[in-house]
C-alpha atoms as a PDB file:
ATOM      1  CA  MET A   1      84.209 105.435  99.752  1.00  0.00           C
ATOM      2  CA  ALA A   2      80.695 105.577  99.633  1.00  0.00           C
ATOM      3  CA  LEU A   3      78.925 109.404  98.973  1.00  0.00           C
ATOM      4  CA  ARG A   4      75.878 110.382 100.890  1.00  0.00           C
ATOM      5  CA  SER A   5      73.992 113.310 100.830  1.00  0.00           C
ATOM      6  CA  PRO A   6      74.027 116.283 103.229  1.00  0.00           C
ATOM      7  CA  ALA A   7      72.447 116.648 106.339  1.00  0.00           C
ATOM      8  CA  ARG A   8      72.756 119.943 108.645  1.00  0.00           C
ATOM      9  CA  ARG A   9      75.049 123.545 107.968  1.00  0.00           C
ATOM     10  CA  VAL A  10      77.682 124.088 109.968  1.00  0.00           C
ATOM     11  CA  GLY A  11      79.471 128.326 109.181  1.00  0.00           C
ATOM     12  CA  ARG A  12      78.758 130.136 105.637  1.00  0.00           C
ATOM     13  CA  VAL A  13      80.535 127.614 103.528  1.00  0.00           C
ATOM     14  CA  ILE A  14      79.566 123.860 103.439  1.00  0.00           C
ATOM     15  CA  HIS A  15      77.197 121.771 105.033  1.00  0.00           C
ATOM     16  CA  VAL A  16      78.854 119.260 107.298  1.00  0.00           C
ATOM     17  CA  PRO A  17      76.523 115.947 107.425  1.00  0.00           C
ATOM     18  CA  ASP A  18      74.953 115.005 110.487  1.00  0.00           C
ATOM     19  CA  ALA A  19      76.038 111.314 109.323  1.00  0.00           C
ATOM     20  CA  LEU A  20      79.716 111.843 109.696  1.00  0.00           C
ATOM     21  CA  THR A  21      79.754 113.836 112.677  1.00  0.00           C
ATOM     22  CA  ALA A  22      78.197 111.287 114.515  1.00  0.00           C
ATOM     23  CA  SER A  23      80.763 108.344 112.537  1.00  0.00           C
ATOM     24  CA  GLN A  24      83.814 111.220 113.820  1.00  0.00           C
ATOM     25  CA  ASP A  25      82.486 111.060 116.578  1.00  0.00           C
ATOM     26  CA  ARG A  26      82.085 107.147 117.568  1.00  0.00           C
ATOM     27  CA  TYR A  27      85.764 105.553 115.903  1.00  0.00           C
ATOM     28  CA  ASN A  28      87.844 109.641 116.413  1.00  0.00           C
ATOM     29  CA  GLY A  29      86.604 111.296 119.848  1.00  0.00           C
ATOM     30  CA  ALA A  30      87.938 114.315 120.276  1.00  0.00           C
ATOM     31  CA  ALA A  31      90.388 114.559 117.708  1.00  0.00           C
ATOM     32  CA  GLY A  32      86.967 113.920 115.082  1.00  0.00           C
ATOM     33  CA  ARG A  33      84.825 116.427 116.565  1.00  0.00           C
ATOM     34  CA  ALA A  34      88.366 118.836 116.120  1.00  0.00           C
ATOM     35  CA  PHE A  35      88.209 117.590 112.634  1.00  0.00           C
ATOM     36  CA  VAL A  36      84.428 118.506 111.987  1.00  0.00           C
ATOM     37  CA  ALA A  37      84.803 121.251 113.960  1.00  0.00           C
ATOM     38  CA  ALA A  38      88.171 122.892 111.347  1.00  0.00           C
ATOM     39  CA  LEU A  39      85.738 121.594 108.317  1.00  0.00           C
ATOM     40  CA  PRO A  40      83.998 124.731 107.148  1.00  0.00           C
ATOM     41  CA  GLY A  41      87.184 127.208 108.154  1.00  0.00           C
ATOM     42  CA  ARG A  42      88.634 124.664 106.200  1.00  0.00           C
ATOM     43  CA  ALA A  43      86.472 124.391 102.988  1.00  0.00           C
ATOM     44  CA  ALA A  44      86.843 128.582 102.275  1.00  0.00           C
ATOM     45  CA  HIS A  45      91.132 128.475 102.781  1.00  0.00           C
ATOM     46  CA  PHE A  46      91.198 126.763  99.992  1.00  0.00           C
ATOM     47  CA  LEU A  47      88.353 127.582  97.790  1.00  0.00           C
ATOM     48  CA  ASP A  48      89.996 131.005  98.025  1.00  0.00           C
ATOM     49  CA  ARG A  49      93.723 129.782  97.875  1.00  0.00           C
ATOM     50  CA  TRP A  50      92.892 127.802  94.834  1.00  0.00           C
ATOM     51  CA  GLU A  51      90.354 129.817  93.194  1.00  0.00           C
ATOM     52  CA  LEU A  52      87.470 128.134  93.662  1.00  0.00           C
ATOM     53  CA  ARG A  53      83.945 127.462  93.601  1.00  0.00           C
ATOM     54  CA  PRO A  54      81.534 125.121  95.043  1.00  0.00           C
ATOM     55  CA  ASP A  55      79.615 124.033  92.487  1.00  0.00           C
ATOM     56  CA  GLY A  56      76.512 121.412  94.608  1.00  0.00           C
ATOM     57  CA  PRO A  57      75.892 119.807  98.294  1.00  0.00           C
ATOM     58  CA  PRO A  58      78.951 118.280  99.705  1.00  0.00           C
ATOM     59  CA  MET A  59      78.559 115.116 100.021  1.00  0.00           C
ATOM     60  CA  HIS A  60      80.772 112.474 102.708  1.00  0.00           C
ATOM     61  CA  GLY A  61      81.744 108.453 103.114  1.00  0.00           C
ATOM     62  CA  VAL A  62      83.140 107.494 106.978  1.00  0.00           C
ATOM     63  CA  THR A  63      85.986 109.637 107.086  1.00  0.00           C
ATOM     64  CA  ALA A  64      85.767 112.444 104.367  1.00  0.00           C
ATOM     65  CA  LEU A  65      84.158 115.602 103.275  1.00  0.00           C
ATOM     66  CA  VAL A  66      83.925 115.629  99.797  1.00  0.00           C
ATOM     67  CA  LEU A  67      83.301 119.352  98.068  1.00  0.00           C
ATOM     68  CA  PRO A  68      82.146 119.664  94.224  1.00  0.00           C
ATOM     69  CA  VAL A  69      83.668 122.735  93.294  1.00  0.00           C
ATOM     70  CA  ARG A  70      84.074 124.469  89.873  1.00  0.00           C
ATOM     71  CA  ARG A  71      88.122 125.549  88.550  1.00  0.00           C
ATOM     72  CA  ALA A  72      88.876 129.461  87.729  1.00  0.00           C
ATOM     73  CA  ASP A  73      88.723 127.814  83.867  1.00  0.00           C
ATOM     74  CA  GLY A  74      85.419 125.954  84.865  1.00  0.00           C
ATOM     75  CA  THR A  75      87.013 122.867  84.845  1.00  0.00           C
ATOM     76  CA  PRO A  76      84.572 120.105  87.317  1.00  0.00           C
ATOM     77  CA  ALA A  77      86.761 119.085  90.542  1.00  0.00           C
ATOM     78  CA  VAL A  78      86.610 117.710  94.202  1.00  0.00           C
ATOM     79  CA  LEU A  79      87.945 119.341  97.358  1.00  0.00           C
ATOM     80  CA  LYS A  80      88.304 115.741  99.674  1.00  0.00           C
ATOM     81  CA  PHE A  81      89.597 116.529 103.563  1.00  0.00           C
ATOM     82  CA  ALA A  82      90.007 113.588 104.807  1.00  0.00           C
ATOM     83  CA  PHE A  83      90.458 112.525 108.610  1.00  0.00           C
ATOM     84  CA  PRO A  84      94.344 111.555 108.894  1.00  0.00           C
ATOM     85  CA  ASP A  85      95.196 108.251 109.346  1.00  0.00           C
ATOM     86  CA  GLU A  86      98.163 105.959 108.624  1.00  0.00           C
ATOM     87  CA  GLU A  87      95.845 103.795 105.694  1.00  0.00           C
ATOM     88  CA  SER A  88      95.068 106.842 103.858  1.00  0.00           C
ATOM     89  CA  ALA A  89      98.237 108.749 104.381  1.00  0.00           C
ATOM     90  CA  GLY A  90      99.872 108.013 100.671  1.00  0.00           C
ATOM     91  CA  GLU A  91      97.210 108.537  98.704  1.00  0.00           C
ATOM     92  CA  PRO A  92      98.765 111.973  97.275  1.00  0.00           C
ATOM     93  CA  LEU A  93     101.503 110.112  96.747  1.00  0.00           C
ATOM     94  CA  ALA A  94      99.441 106.725  95.130  1.00  0.00           C
ATOM     95  CA  LEU A  95      97.392 108.726  92.685  1.00  0.00           C
ATOM     96  CA  ARG A  96     100.644 111.259  91.067  1.00  0.00           C
ATOM     97  CA  ALA A  97     101.762 107.651  90.498  1.00  0.00           C
ATOM     98  CA  TRP A  98      99.539 106.316  88.888  1.00  0.00           C
ATOM     99  CA  GLY A  99      99.093 109.540  87.131  1.00  0.00           C
ATOM    100  CA  GLY A 100      95.028 108.984  86.198  1.00  0.00           C
ATOM    101  CA  ARG A 101      95.385 105.977  85.102  1.00  0.00           C
ATOM    102  CA  GLY A 102      92.809 103.675  85.850  1.00  0.00           C
ATOM    103  CA  ALA A 103      92.730 106.238  88.889  1.00  0.00           C
ATOM    104  CA  VAL A 104      91.195 109.614  90.005  1.00  0.00           C
ATOM    105  CA  ARG A 105      93.890 112.467  88.749  1.00  0.00           C
ATOM    106  CA  LEU A 106      95.243 114.186  91.459  1.00  0.00           C
ATOM    107  CA  LEU A 107      95.162 118.264  90.631  1.00  0.00           C
ATOM    108  CA  GLY A 108      96.821 119.365  94.019  1.00  0.00           C
ATOM    109  CA  HIS A 109      97.912 118.710  97.696  1.00  0.00           C
ATOM    110  CA  ASP A 110      98.473 120.638 100.387  1.00  0.00           C
ATOM    111  CA  ARG A 111     100.634 118.677 102.618  1.00  0.00           C
ATOM    112  CA  ALA A 112     100.175 120.559 106.193  1.00  0.00           C
ATOM    113  CA  THR A 113      96.725 119.625 106.459  1.00  0.00           C
ATOM    114  CA  GLY A 114      96.183 116.919 103.339  1.00  0.00           C
ATOM    115  CA  THR A 115      93.373 117.686 101.702  1.00  0.00           C
ATOM    116  CA  LEU A 116      93.589 117.126  97.859  1.00  0.00           C
ATOM    117  CA  LEU A 117      91.890 118.053  94.741  1.00  0.00           C
ATOM    118  CA  LEU A 118      90.563 115.889  92.956  1.00  0.00           C
ATOM    119  CA  GLU A 119      89.214 115.272  89.152  1.00  0.00           C
ATOM    120  CA  ARG A 120      85.476 114.829  89.774  1.00  0.00           C
ATOM    121  CA  LEU A 121      84.339 112.075  88.820  1.00  0.00           C
ATOM    122  CA  ASP A 122      80.056 110.709  88.263  1.00  0.00           C
ATOM    123  CA  HIS A 123      78.535 109.565  91.735  1.00  0.00           C
ATOM    124  CA  THR A 124      76.203 108.604  91.035  1.00  0.00           C
ATOM    125  CA  ARG A 125      77.378 105.717  88.965  1.00  0.00           C
ATOM    126  CA  MET A 126      78.978 103.093  91.099  1.00  0.00           C
ATOM    127  CA  LEU A 127      80.084  99.989  89.893  1.00  0.00           C
ATOM    128  CA  THR A 128      77.522  98.689  92.889  1.00  0.00           C
ATOM    129  CA  HIS A 129      74.923  99.794  90.247  1.00  0.00           C
ATOM    130  CA  LEU A 130      76.269  97.409  87.174  1.00  0.00           C
ATOM    131  CA  PRO A 131      73.043  94.482  87.407  1.00  0.00           C
ATOM    132  CA  ASP A 132      76.044  92.388  85.893  1.00  0.00           C
ATOM    133  CA  THR A 133      78.242  91.008  88.488  1.00  0.00           C
ATOM    134  CA  ARG A 134      80.507  89.089  86.773  1.00  0.00           C
ATOM    135  CA  GLU A 135      81.429  91.814  84.421  1.00  0.00           C
ATOM    136  CA  ALA A 136      81.697  94.176  87.936  1.00  0.00           C
ATOM    137  CA  VAL A 137      83.918  91.353  88.837  1.00  0.00           C
ATOM    138  CA  LEU A 138      86.311  92.317  85.162  1.00  0.00           C
ATOM    139  CA  VAL A 139      85.926  95.734  85.791  1.00  0.00           C
ATOM    140  CA  VAL A 140      88.108  95.599  88.800  1.00  0.00           C
ATOM    141  CA  ALA A 141      90.795  92.872  87.533  1.00  0.00           C
ATOM    142  CA  ARG A 142      90.433  95.231  84.700  1.00  0.00           C
ATOM    143  CA  LEU A 143      91.604  98.174  87.412  1.00  0.00           C
ATOM    144  CA  LEU A 144      93.846  96.254  89.233  1.00  0.00           C
ATOM    145  CA  ALA A 145      96.079  95.220  86.338  1.00  0.00           C
ATOM    146  CA  ARG A 146      96.555  98.633  85.265  1.00  0.00           C
ATOM    147  CA  LEU A 147      96.911 100.290  89.202  1.00  0.00           C
ATOM    148  CA  SER A 148      99.545  96.949  90.021  1.00  0.00           C
ATOM    149  CA  ALA A 149     101.709  97.648  86.638  1.00  0.00           C
ATOM    150  CA  VAL A 150     103.294 100.273  88.975  1.00  0.00           C
ATOM    151  CA  ALA A 151     105.885  99.643  91.273  1.00  0.00           C
ATOM    152  CA  ALA A 152     105.586 101.207  94.133  1.00  0.00           C
ATOM    153  CA  PRO A 153     106.534 104.816  95.521  1.00  0.00           C
ATOM    154  CA  GLU A 154     109.256 104.517  97.896  1.00  0.00           C
ATOM    155  CA  GLY A 155     107.113 105.830 100.990  1.00  0.00           C
ATOM    156  CA  MET A 156     104.613 103.376 101.373  1.00  0.00           C
ATOM    157  CA  ARG A 157     103.742 100.990 103.932  1.00  0.00           C
ATOM    158  CA  ARG A 158     104.934  97.720 103.202  1.00  0.00           C
ATOM    159  CA  LEU A 159     102.808  93.911 102.878  1.00  0.00           C
ATOM    160  CA  GLY A 160     106.036  93.059 104.209  1.00  0.00           C
ATOM    161  CA  ASP A 161     105.637  94.268 107.715  1.00  0.00           C
ATOM    162  CA  ILE A 162     102.082  94.030 107.716  1.00  0.00           C
ATOM    163  CA  ALA A 163     102.296  90.644 106.885  1.00  0.00           C
ATOM    164  CA  ALA A 164     105.067  90.186 109.479  1.00  0.00           C
ATOM    165  CA  ASP A 165     102.784  91.592 111.964  1.00  0.00           C
ATOM    166  CA  MET A 166      99.352  89.633 111.625  1.00  0.00           C
ATOM    167  CA  LEU A 167     101.561  86.295 112.019  1.00  0.00           C
ATOM    168  CA  GLU A 168     102.674  88.154 115.549  1.00  0.00           C
ATOM    169  CA  ARG A 169      98.894  88.317 116.477  1.00  0.00           C
ATOM    170  CA  VAL A 170      97.939  84.738 115.407  1.00  0.00           C
ATOM    171  CA  PRO A 171      98.826  82.858 118.484  1.00  0.00           C
ATOM    172  CA  GLY A 172      97.093  85.564 120.674  1.00  0.00           C
ATOM    173  CA  ALA A 173      94.320  84.997 118.560  1.00  0.00           C
ATOM    174  CA  LEU A 174      93.500  81.369 118.138  1.00  0.00           C
ATOM    175  CA  ARG A 175      93.426  81.536 122.621  1.00  0.00           C
ATOM    176  CA  ARG A 176      90.180  84.201 121.792  1.00  0.00           C
ATOM    177  CA  ILE A 177      88.343  81.671 119.222  1.00  0.00           C
ATOM    178  CA  PRO A 178      86.091  79.195 120.921  1.00  0.00           C
ATOM    179  CA  ASP A 179      85.099  77.042 117.783  1.00  0.00           C
ATOM    180  CA  PRO A 180      87.543  74.251 116.813  1.00  0.00           C
ATOM    181  CA  SER A 181      86.678  74.501 113.186  1.00  0.00           C
ATOM    182  CA  ASP A 182      87.042  78.798 112.928  1.00  0.00           C
ATOM    183  CA  ARG A 183      90.641  77.714 114.997  1.00  0.00           C
ATOM    184  CA  ARG A 184      91.942  76.000 111.915  1.00  0.00           C
ATOM    185  CA  LEU A 185      90.613  78.388 109.245  1.00  0.00           C
ATOM    186  CA  VAL A 186      92.941  80.683 110.955  1.00  0.00           C
ATOM    187  CA  GLU A 187      95.693  78.272 111.261  1.00  0.00           C
ATOM    188  CA  ASP A 188      95.240  77.054 107.890  1.00  0.00           C
ATOM    189  CA  CYS A 189      94.877  81.291 106.658  1.00  0.00           C
ATOM    190  CA  ALA A 190      98.210  81.772 108.505  1.00  0.00           C
ATOM    191  CA  ALA A 191     100.122  79.066 107.510  1.00  0.00           C
ATOM    192  CA  ALA A 192      99.476  80.616 103.505  1.00  0.00           C
ATOM    193  CA  VAL A 193     100.385  83.975 104.210  1.00  0.00           C
ATOM    194  CA  ARG A 194     103.661  82.058 105.743  1.00  0.00           C
ATOM    195  CA  GLU A 195     104.473  80.510 102.691  1.00  0.00           C
ATOM    196  CA  VAL A 196     104.879  83.940 101.123  1.00  0.00           C
ATOM    197  CA  VAL A 197     105.791  86.160 103.289  1.00  0.00           C
ATOM    198  CA  THR A 198     109.274  86.570 102.697  1.00  0.00           C
ATOM    199  CA  GLU A 199     108.514  87.832  98.863  1.00  0.00           C
ATOM    200  CA  PRO A 200     105.721  90.150  99.571  1.00  0.00           C
ATOM    201  CA  GLY A 201     106.147  92.193  96.219  1.00  0.00           C
ATOM    202  CA  ASP A 202     106.263  96.026  95.240  1.00  0.00           C
ATOM    203  CA  ARG A 203     104.036  96.910  93.094  1.00  0.00           C
ATOM    204  CA  LEU A 204     101.522 100.119  94.050  1.00  0.00           C
ATOM    205  CA  LEU A 205      98.466  98.463  95.712  1.00  0.00           C
ATOM    206  CA  HIS A 206      94.942 100.251  96.218  1.00  0.00           C
ATOM    207  CA  TRP A 207      94.179  97.592  99.397  1.00  0.00           C
ATOM    208  CA  ASP A 208      90.643  99.098  99.026  1.00  0.00           C
ATOM    209  CA  LEU A 209      88.851  98.717  95.646  1.00  0.00           C
ATOM    210  CA  HIS A 210      84.905  97.242  96.494  1.00  0.00           C
ATOM    211  CA  TYR A 211      82.761  98.628  94.353  1.00  0.00           C
ATOM    212  CA  ASP A 212      81.789 101.639  96.108  1.00  0.00           C
ATOM    213  CA  ASN A 213      84.958 102.614  95.030  1.00  0.00           C
ATOM    214  CA  VAL A 214      84.432 102.704  91.403  1.00  0.00           C
ATOM    215  CA  LEU A 215      82.668 105.558  89.660  1.00  0.00           C
ATOM    216  CA  ARG A 216      82.343 106.658  86.120  1.00  0.00           C
ATOM    217  CA  GLY A 217      84.124 109.414  84.278  1.00  0.00           C
ATOM    218  CA  LEU A 218      81.431 112.103  84.028  1.00  0.00           C
ATOM    219  CA  HIS A 219      79.263 111.110  81.199  1.00  0.00           C
ATOM    220  CA  ASP A 220      78.390 114.273  80.172  1.00  0.00           C
ATOM    221  CA  GLU A 221      81.938 116.622  79.881  1.00  0.00           C
ATOM    222  CA  ARG A 222      85.330 115.249  78.012  1.00  0.00           C
ATOM    223  CA  HIS A 223      88.624 115.573  79.920  1.00  0.00           C
ATOM    224  CA  ASP A 224      89.449 117.903  77.201  1.00  0.00           C
ATOM    225  CA  GLY A 225      93.844 118.953  78.734  1.00  0.00           C
ATOM    226  CA  ARG A 226      92.256 121.437  80.619  1.00  0.00           C
ATOM    227  CA  HIS A 227      93.153 118.876  84.089  1.00  0.00           C
ATOM    228  CA  GLY A 228      96.565 120.018  83.536  1.00  0.00           C
ATOM    229  CA  HIS A 229      95.934 123.485  85.012  1.00  0.00           C
ATOM    230  CA  HIS A 230      96.920 122.773  88.568  1.00  0.00           C
ATOM    231  CA  THR A 231      96.001 125.321  91.325  1.00  0.00           C
ATOM    232  CA  GLY A 232      98.404 128.563  91.382  1.00  0.00           C
ATOM    233  CA  ASN A 233      99.949 130.432  94.445  1.00  0.00           C
ATOM    234  CA  ASP A 234     100.622 127.932  97.139  1.00  0.00           C
ATOM    235  CA  ASN A 235     103.197 126.134  98.731  1.00  0.00           C
ATOM    236  CA  ALA A 236     102.636 122.547  97.650  1.00  0.00           C
ATOM    237  CA  ALA A 237     103.724 122.546  94.129  1.00  0.00           C
ATOM    238  CA  ALA A 238     105.622 120.261  93.971  1.00  0.00           C
ATOM    239  CA  ASP A 239     102.822 118.017  95.201  1.00  0.00           C
ATOM    240  CA  ARG A 240     100.747 118.377  92.188  1.00  0.00           C
ATOM    241  CA  GLY A 241     100.286 115.798  89.316  1.00  0.00           C
ATOM    242  CA  ASP A 242     101.469 116.779  86.008  1.00  0.00           C
ATOM    243  CA  HIS A 243      99.258 114.201  84.195  1.00  0.00           C
ATOM    244  CA  GLY A 244     100.499 114.761  80.408  1.00  0.00           C
ATOM    245  CA  HIS A 245      98.624 113.325  77.248  1.00  0.00           C
ATOM    246  CA  ASP A 246      95.298 112.959  79.162  1.00  0.00           C
ATOM    247  CA  GLU A 247      94.579 108.927  77.355  1.00  0.00           C
ATOM    248  CA  ARG A 248      90.635 109.621  78.788  1.00  0.00           C
ATOM    249  CA  ALA A 249      89.752 112.596  76.705  1.00  0.00           C
ATOM    250  CA  ALA A 250      88.134 110.477  73.686  1.00  0.00           C
ATOM    251  CA  GLY A 251      86.058 107.156  74.186  1.00  0.00           C
ATOM    252  CA  PRO A 252      83.116 106.230  76.425  1.00  0.00           C
ATOM    253  CA  ALA A 253      83.212 107.567  80.135  1.00  0.00           C
ATOM    254  CA  PRO A 254      85.481 105.190  81.771  1.00  0.00           C
ATOM    255  CA  TRP A 255      85.506 103.897  85.340  1.00  0.00           C
ATOM    256  CA  VAL A 256      88.063 105.161  87.516  1.00  0.00           C
ATOM    257  CA  ALA A 257      88.547 103.635  90.952  1.00  0.00           C
ATOM    258  CA  ILE A 258      89.122 106.677  94.076  1.00  0.00           C
ATOM    259  CA  ASP A 259      89.905 106.476  97.875  1.00  0.00           C
ATOM    260  CA  PRO A 260      92.647 104.071  97.755  1.00  0.00           C
ATOM    261  CA  LYS A 261      94.600 103.401 100.860  1.00  0.00           C
ATOM    262  CA  PRO A 262      98.066 102.512  99.188  1.00  0.00           C
ATOM    263  CA  LEU A 263     100.861  99.908  99.852  1.00  0.00           C
ATOM    264  CA  ALA A 264     103.623  97.955  98.720  1.00  0.00           C
ATOM    265  CA  GLY A 265     103.494  94.628  97.747  1.00  0.00           C
ATOM    266  CA  ASP A 266     101.779  91.286  96.008  1.00  0.00           C
ATOM    267  CA  PRO A 267      98.885  92.465  94.024  1.00  0.00           C
ATOM    268  CA  GLY A 268      97.266  88.882  95.387  1.00  0.00           C
ATOM    269  CA  PHE A 269      96.781  90.902  98.560  1.00  0.00           C
ATOM    270  CA  GLU A 270      93.997  93.135  96.022  1.00  0.00           C
ATOM    271  CA  LEU A 271      91.781  90.097  94.809  1.00  0.00           C
ATOM    272  CA  CYS A 272      89.549  89.737  98.778  1.00  0.00           C
ATOM    273  CA  PRO A 273      86.992  93.367  98.453  1.00  0.00           C
ATOM    274  CA  ALA A 274      85.770  91.952  94.540  1.00  0.00           C
ATOM    275  CA  LEU A 275      84.664  88.324  96.116  1.00  0.00           C
ATOM    276  CA  CYS A 276      83.614  89.825  99.388  1.00  0.00           C
ATOM    277  CA  ASN A 277      81.090  92.326  97.356  1.00  0.00           C
ATOM    278  CA  ARG A 278      77.629  91.373  96.520  1.00  0.00           C
ATOM    279  CA  PHE A 279      78.561  87.733  98.015  1.00  0.00           C
ATOM    280  CA  GLU A 280      77.565  84.467  95.926  1.00  0.00           C
ATOM    281  CA  PRO A 281      79.070  81.365  97.501  1.00  0.00           C
ATOM    282  CA  GLY A 282      79.803  79.259  94.195  1.00  0.00           C
ATOM    283  CA  GLU A 283      80.555  82.822  92.182  1.00  0.00           C
ATOM    284  CA  VAL A 284      84.340  82.416  94.726  1.00  0.00           C
ATOM    285  CA  ARG A 285      86.025  80.059  92.537  1.00  0.00           C
ATOM    286  CA  ARG A 286      85.365  82.021  88.662  1.00  0.00           C
ATOM    287  CA  ARG A 287      86.174  85.244  90.935  1.00  0.00           C
ATOM    288  CA  PHE A 288      89.124  83.982  92.208  1.00  0.00           C
ATOM    289  CA  ASP A 289      89.997  82.534  88.580  1.00  0.00           C
ATOM    290  CA  ALA A 290      88.424  85.305  86.368  1.00  0.00           C
ATOM    291  CA  MET A 291      90.474  87.980  87.908  1.00  0.00           C
ATOM    292  CA  THR A 292      93.821  86.350  88.603  1.00  0.00           C
ATOM    293  CA  ASP A 293      93.971  85.102  84.150  1.00  0.00           C
ATOM    294  CA  VAL A 294      93.031  89.148  83.911  1.00  0.00           C
ATOM    295  CA  MET A 295      95.596  90.247  85.818  1.00  0.00           C
ATOM    296  CA  GLY A 296      98.238  87.488  85.074  1.00  0.00           C
ATOM    297  CA  LEU A 297      98.823  86.437  88.105  1.00  0.00           C
ATOM    298  CA  ASP A 298     100.410  83.372  89.585  1.00  0.00           C
ATOM    299  CA  ARG A 299      97.286  81.177  90.944  1.00  0.00           C
ATOM    300  CA  ALA A 300      99.204  79.496  93.850  1.00  0.00           C
ATOM    301  CA  ARG A 301     100.904  82.951  94.565  1.00  0.00           C
ATOM    302  CA  ALA A 302      97.486  84.994  94.117  1.00  0.00           C
ATOM    303  CA  ARG A 303      95.465  81.853  97.293  1.00  0.00           C
ATOM    304  CA  ALA A 304      98.085  82.308  99.588  1.00  0.00           C
ATOM    305  CA  TRP A 305      97.847  86.213  99.528  1.00  0.00           C
ATOM    306  CA  THR A 306      93.916  86.362  99.729  1.00  0.00           C
ATOM    307  CA  LEU A 307      93.979  84.250 102.636  1.00  0.00           C
ATOM    308  CA  GLY A 308      95.578  86.686 104.174  1.00  0.00           C
ATOM    309  CA  ARG A 309      93.237  89.543 102.888  1.00  0.00           C
ATOM    310  CA  VAL A 310      90.646  87.075 104.663  1.00  0.00           C
ATOM    311  CA  LEU A 311      93.578  86.732 107.905  1.00  0.00           C
ATOM    312  CA  GLN A 312      93.827  90.550 108.677  1.00  0.00           C
ATOM    313  CA  ASN A 313      90.185  91.091 108.139  1.00  0.00           C
ATOM    314  CA  THR A 314      89.381  87.761 110.442  1.00  0.00           C
ATOM    315  CA  LEU A 315      92.502  89.090 113.372  1.00  0.00           C
ATOM    316  CA  TRP A 316      89.992  93.188 113.317  1.00  0.00           C
ATOM    317  CA  GLU A 317      87.230  90.709 113.945  1.00  0.00           C
ATOM    318  CA  ILE A 318      88.828  88.660 116.894  1.00  0.00           C
ATOM    319  CA  GLU A 319      90.091  91.664 118.078  1.00  0.00           C
ATOM    320  CA  ASP A 320      86.866  93.639 118.437  1.00  0.00           C
ATOM    321  CA  GLY A 321      85.564  90.957 120.370  1.00  0.00           C
ATOM    322  CA  ARG A 322      83.231  89.850 117.351  1.00  0.00           C
ATOM    323  CA  PRO A 323      82.341  86.323 115.946  1.00  0.00           C
ATOM    324  CA  LEU A 324      84.001  85.907 112.082  1.00  0.00           C
ATOM    325  CA  GLU A 325      82.167  87.459 109.615  1.00  0.00           C
ATOM    326  CA  PRO A 326      80.223  84.708 107.532  1.00  0.00           C
ATOM    327  CA  VAL A 327      81.343  85.595 104.185  1.00  0.00           C
ATOM    328  CA  HIS A 328      85.304  85.448 105.570  1.00  0.00           C
ATOM    329  CA  ARG A 329      84.334  81.930 106.586  1.00  0.00           C
ATOM    330  CA  GLU A 330      83.385  81.026 103.151  1.00  0.00           C
ATOM    331  CA  ILE A 331      85.800  82.812 100.959  1.00  0.00           C
ATOM    332  CA  ALA A 332      88.574  81.001 102.910  1.00  0.00           C
ATOM    333  CA  ARG A 333      86.559  77.371 103.097  1.00  0.00           C
ATOM    334  CA  ARG A 334      86.825  77.683  99.556  1.00  0.00           C
ATOM    335  CA  LEU A 335      90.110  79.053  98.626  1.00  0.00           C
ATOM    336  CA  LEU A 336      91.514  76.031 101.170  1.00  0.00           C
ATOM    337  CA  ARG A 337      90.521  73.968  98.159  1.00  0.00           C
ATOM    338  CA  VAL A 338      92.633  75.402  95.981  1.00  0.00           C
ATOM    339  CA  ARG A 339      95.718  73.868  94.057  1.00  0.00           C
END
């Protein structure tokens, strides 16, 4: 979720950005408008309940509002209020499983509303801003290696189910593609998925690790163990993370993953965003090779699942009545030549 600046004031507690209001209206209709209308009161409630004070203007992406806060002990944090959807429902469970190792720390969670209290990172220092694209790919690969080292907990969406659903939708999608070469490309991607669909994997995947979802930790405030103090007097005690030793306490501010849309599956399904970001056709193979090497992946399986990710995106494009995205088409063509 790329964060943007606030716009108009709503209520006495927060500013709800016009862009967030517009995106919720566009994508979620009446439910989105109700979500936005409830934000000021919801923010006031959790500021009081978790003994927080606002510490800067709100930020937002397409689906969530993020409010910088300070905890009672002065620790910087953020409140995250996200529109509920199936893809992000597992976020607190995944963050708890990762325990701050490669991903943002979960400090508090309210099950009823999905409200999250998270460690604060430096939103001005996204991986998008790193000039060296090859180093950026390696940063993503290292993070994915750490994140996918964790087995997915029960309750996650499963790649096997997603892949089976994609394959069921392929025949209908093919009938809607006028270009023969595009039809062949979709057929070839589907064939690759069929080769691996019976072994979908069981690792905890982020699914959405593009460059805007990788931030630096706070460079001027070292984590000092205060993150172990969780919000008190709330009904979400079972949902708070317990992170123990802070392995990030020493050294430079690390790169940290945010905004997972987690699922259980094969890490090869994670590579596509890094192939698409700041796209360079001549770098597709190099990036694929670098990531599979860093992550220790079987190249054939990683190729198949990356083509599966292209298939997923392509099916959405076809079903929305849009032409195939040239970047996805080019990635598929280049990987289909990999053996």
